[in-house]
Amino acid sequence: MRCVRWRRVPLDLAREAREKSTASYIDRAVQCQLSAHDEGEHFGLLTDAGTYGTALWLRWHGPDKAELVVLPDCPVAAPGPDGEGCCLFVDHAKQHTWEDALEEVSCTS
């Protein structure tokens, strides 16, 4: 099950994200894409970073501190010839997005 935490993207970080990306639109709020957790950092996907195999994420811990980070994509795919790739970043905690047996998680939701 995915983390239920959401975070508004501060205006200054939204502007910075548009400058660092080829995307013309950045969401104003993001949901943490990690598996359910109560403690530690949260990560919301903003957009591709422009460099192959990287993405721009909003990282936050608590209500006051948020920053943009460019992280390499997780290279792990589900077993089998048509294995779905993980939608997270390298060295993320806990399970890959395709390992979540309780809910269907897509990279775009």
Protein backbone atom coordinates (compact mmCIF):
# COMPACT_ATOMS: atom_id res chain seq x y z
CA MET A 1 0.00 0.00 0.00
CA ARG A 2 1.31 3.44 -0.91
CA CYS A 3 2.04 6.21 1.60
CA VAL A 4 -0.97 8.49 2.11
CA ARG A 5 1.04 11.71 2.64
CA TRP A 6 0.54 14.60 0.20
CA ARG A 7 2.50 17.85 -0.06
CA ARG A 8 1.80 21.10 -1.85
CA VAL A 9 4.70 22.11 -4.07
CA PRO A 10 5.94 25.54 -2.93
CA LEU A 11 5.75 28.17 -5.70
CA ASP A 12 9.49 28.78 -5.76
CA LEU A 13 10.17 25.04 -6.13
CA ALA A 14 7.49 24.70 -8.83
CA ARG A 15 9.21 27.49 -10.81
CA GLU A 16 12.60 25.87 -10.31
CA ALA A 17 11.20 22.49 -11.41
CA ARG A 18 9.84 24.02 -14.66
CA GLU A 19 13.27 25.53 -15.34
CA LYS A 20 15.03 22.19 -14.79
CA SER A 21 12.57 20.20 -16.90
CA THR A 22 11.18 20.19 -20.39
CA ALA A 23 7.68 19.76 -18.93
CA SER A 24 5.44 22.77 -19.34
CA TYR A 25 3.32 21.84 -16.34
CA ILE A 26 4.24 20.81 -12.80
CA ASP A 27 1.56 19.53 -10.41
CA ARG A 28 0.82 21.83 -7.47
CA ALA A 29 0.60 18.87 -5.06
CA VAL A 30 2.20 15.42 -5.02
CA GLN A 31 1.61 12.18 -3.13
CA CYS A 32 4.51 10.28 -1.63
CA GLN A 33 5.26 7.37 -3.97
CA LEU A 34 6.93 5.16 -1.34
CA SER A 35 5.24 2.27 0.43
CA ALA A 36 3.19 3.21 3.50
CA HIS A 37 5.36 4.65 6.27
CA ASP A 38 4.95 7.11 9.14
CA GLU A 39 8.49 8.28 9.76
CA GLY A 40 11.26 9.68 7.60
CA GLU A 41 11.36 11.39 4.25
CA HIS A 42 8.61 11.44 1.65
CA PHE A 43 9.12 11.58 -2.13
CA GLY A 44 6.63 12.86 -4.71
CA LEU A 45 7.35 12.51 -8.43
CA LEU A 46 7.28 15.82 -10.31
CA THR A 47 8.55 15.02 -13.82
CA ASP A 48 11.36 13.52 -15.88
CA ALA A 49 14.58 15.40 -15.27
CA GLY A 50 15.50 15.66 -18.95
CA THR A 51 18.43 13.27 -18.68
CA TYR A 52 17.64 9.68 -19.64
CA GLY A 53 17.03 7.51 -16.58
CA THR A 54 16.48 10.34 -14.08
CA ALA A 55 13.48 12.08 -12.59
CA LEU A 56 12.81 15.23 -10.60
CA TRP A 57 11.31 14.54 -7.18
CA LEU A 58 10.00 16.67 -4.33
CA ARG A 59 11.53 15.40 -1.07
CA TRP A 60 10.05 16.50 2.24
CA HIS A 61 10.21 15.74 5.93
CA GLY A 62 7.53 17.41 7.99
CA PRO A 63 5.45 20.43 7.01
CA ASP A 64 8.23 23.03 6.72
CA LYS A 65 11.08 21.51 4.78
CA ALA A 66 10.90 20.55 1.08
CA GLU A 67 13.46 20.44 -1.70
CA LEU A 68 13.88 19.34 -5.30
CA VAL A 69 16.13 16.37 -5.97
CA VAL A 70 17.17 14.68 -9.20
CA LEU A 71 17.37 10.94 -8.67
CA PRO A 72 18.28 8.06 -11.01
CA ASP A 73 15.45 5.67 -11.87
CA CYS A 74 15.30 2.31 -10.12
CA PRO A 75 16.58 -0.26 -12.65
CA VAL A 76 14.76 -3.26 -11.13
CA ALA A 77 11.94 -4.92 -13.05
CA ALA A 78 9.45 -7.57 -12.02
CA PRO A 79 10.43 -11.15 -12.82
CA GLY A 80 9.40 -12.59 -16.15
CA PRO A 81 9.79 -11.59 -19.78
CA ASP A 82 7.21 -8.78 -19.54
CA GLY A 83 8.19 -7.57 -16.08
CA GLU A 84 6.96 -4.10 -15.20
CA GLY A 85 9.71 -1.68 -14.17
CA CYS A 86 9.81 -0.05 -10.77
CA CYS A 87 8.52 3.54 -10.87
CA LEU A 88 10.75 4.73 -8.02
CA PHE A 89 14.41 5.76 -7.74
CA VAL A 90 17.64 3.89 -6.97
CA ASP A 91 18.04 2.88 -3.31
CA HIS A 92 14.44 3.57 -2.30
CA ALA A 93 13.29 1.98 0.95
CA LYS A 94 11.11 -1.09 1.19
CA GLN A 95 9.43 -2.63 -1.83
CA HIS A 96 9.33 -1.88 -5.55
CA THR A 97 6.10 -0.49 -7.00
CA TRP A 98 5.26 -3.78 -8.73
CA GLU A 99 5.64 -5.73 -5.47
CA ASP A 100 2.61 -4.12 -3.90
CA ALA A 101 0.11 -6.99 -3.89
CA LEU A 102 -2.63 -5.00 -2.13
CA GLU A 103 -3.18 -2.34 -4.76
CA GLU A 104 -2.43 -1.69 -8.40
CA VAL A 105 0.09 1.15 -8.62
CA SER A 106 0.99 2.74 -11.92
CA CYS A 107 3.83 5.18 -12.57
CA THR A 108 1.37 7.91 -13.51
CA SER A 109 -1.05 7.75 -10.62
